[in-house]
Amino acid sequence: MDDKLTKNSEQLKAVSQSIEKTANQFGSLKSDFSQVINAVNTNTSKLTANLESLQDKLEKVVAKKGINTIFDNFTNKF
């Protein structure tokens, strides 16, 4: 009977160790995913800033082109 208890105890210990190992792997995976999410958020912020800067520059170019066209039309009439 003691042999059975000892064997069951050893099996339960092995199962417990396996569960602990799996839990640690999930913890590591969670950490990895957090790093990926943070990197994506950082890159998204940088991309948004770059797009906003590009939009500002394009708006200035379009505005300048429009002013030049108006000026050209005005001077061509005289």
Protein backbone atom coordinates (compact mmCIF):
# COMPACT_ATOMS: atom_id res chain seq x y z
CA MET A 1 0.00 0.00 0.00
CA ASP A 2 2.83 2.39 0.84
CA ASP A 3 4.39 1.70 -2.55
CA LYS A 4 1.16 2.77 -4.26
CA LEU A 5 1.00 5.94 -2.19
CA THR A 6 4.63 6.70 -2.92
CA LYS A 7 4.08 6.10 -6.64
CA ASN A 8 0.95 8.27 -6.68
CA SER A 9 2.77 10.98 -4.76
CA GLU A 10 5.63 10.93 -7.26
CA GLN A 11 3.20 11.09 -10.18
CA LEU A 12 1.36 14.01 -8.61
CA LYS A 13 4.66 15.78 -8.04
CA ALA A 14 5.60 15.25 -11.70
CA VAL A 15 2.21 16.57 -12.82
CA SER A 16 2.60 19.57 -10.52
CA GLN A 17 6.05 20.31 -11.95
CA SER A 18 4.69 20.01 -15.47
CA ILE A 19 1.84 22.41 -14.69
CA GLU A 20 4.30 24.87 -13.15
CA LYS A 21 6.55 24.65 -16.22
CA THR A 22 3.57 25.26 -18.51
CA ALA A 23 2.45 28.23 -16.40
CA ASN A 24 5.95 29.70 -16.64
CA GLN A 25 5.91 29.27 -20.42
CA PHE A 26 2.58 31.10 -20.63
CA GLY A 27 4.01 33.87 -18.46
CA SER A 28 6.95 34.19 -20.81
CA LEU A 29 4.64 34.18 -23.81
CA LYS A 30 2.53 36.91 -22.22
CA SER A 31 5.66 38.99 -21.73
CA ASP A 32 6.67 38.44 -25.37
CA PHE A 33 3.23 39.50 -26.59
CA SER A 34 3.36 42.59 -24.38
CA GLN A 35 6.67 43.58 -25.97
CA VAL A 36 5.23 43.09 -29.46
CA ILE A 37 2.15 45.15 -28.59
CA ASN A 38 4.31 47.93 -27.17
CA ALA A 39 6.47 47.94 -30.29
CA VAL A 40 3.40 48.08 -32.54
CA ASN A 41 1.98 50.97 -30.49
CA THR A 42 5.29 52.85 -30.68
CA ASN A 43 5.56 52.31 -34.43
CA THR A 44 1.93 53.32 -34.91
CA SER A 45 2.56 56.56 -33.02
CA LYS A 46 5.65 57.30 -35.11
CA LEU A 47 3.79 56.53 -38.32
CA THR A 48 0.90 58.77 -37.29
CA ALA A 49 3.32 61.62 -36.53
CA ASN A 50 5.06 61.15 -39.89
CA LEU A 51 1.75 61.11 -41.75
CA GLU A 52 0.59 64.26 -39.97
CA SER A 53 3.87 65.98 -40.87
CA LEU A 54 3.50 64.87 -44.49
CA GLN A 55 -0.07 66.14 -44.54
CA ASP A 56 1.06 69.55 -43.24
CA LYS A 57 3.77 69.76 -45.90
CA LEU A 58 1.38 68.75 -48.67
CA GLU A 59 -1.18 71.29 -47.52
CA LYS A 60 1.49 74.02 -47.68
CA VAL A 61 2.55 72.93 -51.17
CA VAL A 62 -1.06 72.89 -52.38
CA ALA A 63 -1.72 76.28 -50.78
CA LYS A 64 1.42 77.76 -52.35
CA LYS A 65 0.51 76.28 -55.74
CA GLY A 66 -2.96 77.79 -55.42
CA ILE A 67 -1.57 81.21 -54.49
CA ASN A 68 0.87 81.06 -57.40
CA THR A 69 -1.94 80.15 -59.79
CA ILE A 70 -4.08 83.01 -58.53
CA PHE A 71 -1.12 85.40 -58.80
CA ASP A 72 -0.31 84.17 -62.34
CA ASN A 73 -3.92 84.60 -63.41
CA PHE A 74 -4.00 88.08 -61.92
CA THR A 75 -0.74 89.23 -63.56
CA ASN A 76 -1.68 87.71 -66.93
CA LYS A 77 -4.73 89.96 -67.06
CA PHE A 78 -2.60 93.11 -66.92
